[in-house]
Amino acid sequence: MVNHYFWRTYDQKEIDLIEESGSNLTGFEFKWNETRPGKPQQFLDAYDHSEFKVINRENYLDFIA
């Protein structure tokens, strides 16, 4: 079973989608343009063994497949 969450800090840093599967957390940021957001270090530091992925128009079909 996969749980889905949204993540935001008090200073308005956010991640669009968090998927929790067992003890694994993966954060997803969705950007249609070619911009590459920086890694959310605060999220990665707070949750050991978490991952972060950017979904854009180049790879969104892989994400929804």
Protein backbone atom coordinates (compact mmCIF):
# COMPACT_ATOMS: atom_id res chain seq x y z
CA MET A 1 0.00 0.00 0.00
CA VAL A 2 1.25 3.49 -0.87
CA ASN A 3 0.28 6.58 1.13
CA HIS A 4 0.34 10.05 -0.42
CA TYR A 5 1.13 13.32 1.35
CA PHE A 6 1.93 16.98 0.73
CA TRP A 7 4.86 18.57 2.56
CA ARG A 8 5.34 22.24 3.51
CA THR A 9 7.47 23.97 6.11
CA TYR A 10 6.53 27.02 8.14
CA ASP A 11 8.69 29.14 5.83
CA GLN A 12 6.68 27.91 2.78
CA LYS A 13 9.15 25.39 1.31
CA GLU A 14 7.13 22.58 -0.20
CA ILE A 15 7.17 19.32 -2.08
CA ASP A 16 4.26 18.61 -4.40
CA LEU A 17 3.83 14.91 -3.60
CA ILE A 18 5.27 12.51 -1.04
CA GLU A 19 4.81 8.78 -1.53
CA GLU A 20 5.29 6.53 1.48
CA SER A 21 5.77 2.86 0.72
CA GLY A 22 6.79 0.83 3.74
CA SER A 23 9.72 2.71 5.26
CA ASN A 24 10.61 4.49 1.99
CA LEU A 25 9.71 8.12 1.28
CA THR A 26 9.97 9.64 -2.18
CA GLY A 27 9.35 13.32 -2.79
CA PHE A 28 8.20 14.50 -6.22
CA GLU A 29 8.33 18.01 -7.63
CA PHE A 30 6.32 18.63 -10.80
CA LYS A 31 7.66 21.22 -13.26
CA TRP A 32 6.43 21.54 -16.84
CA ASN A 33 9.25 23.90 -17.82
CA GLU A 34 12.86 22.88 -18.14
CA THR A 35 13.82 24.48 -14.81
CA ARG A 36 15.53 22.21 -12.34
CA PRO A 37 14.64 22.99 -8.74
CA GLY A 38 17.31 22.46 -6.12
CA LYS A 39 17.13 19.45 -3.87
CA PRO A 40 15.00 20.11 -0.79
CA GLN A 41 17.81 19.61 1.70
CA GLN A 42 15.56 20.27 4.69
CA PHE A 43 13.29 17.36 3.63
CA LEU A 44 16.22 15.05 2.87
CA ASP A 45 17.84 15.85 6.22
CA ALA A 46 14.61 15.34 8.17
CA TYR A 47 13.82 11.94 6.65
CA ASP A 48 16.73 9.53 6.38
CA HIS A 49 16.70 7.25 3.35
CA SER A 50 14.32 9.51 1.44
CA GLU A 51 14.55 10.27 -2.27
CA PHE A 52 13.66 13.27 -4.39
CA LYS A 53 12.67 13.27 -8.06
CA VAL A 54 11.67 16.00 -10.49
CA ILE A 55 8.89 15.14 -12.92
CA ASN A 56 8.76 17.27 -16.06
CA ARG A 57 7.56 17.07 -19.68
CA GLU A 58 10.56 14.91 -20.56
CA ASN A 59 9.81 12.11 -18.07
CA TYR A 60 6.16 12.41 -17.01
CA LEU A 61 5.10 9.40 -19.12
CA ASP A 62 7.48 7.21 -17.12
CA PHE A 63 5.94 8.56 -13.92
CA ILE A 64 2.33 7.79 -14.91
CA ALA A 65 3.09 4.39 -16.46
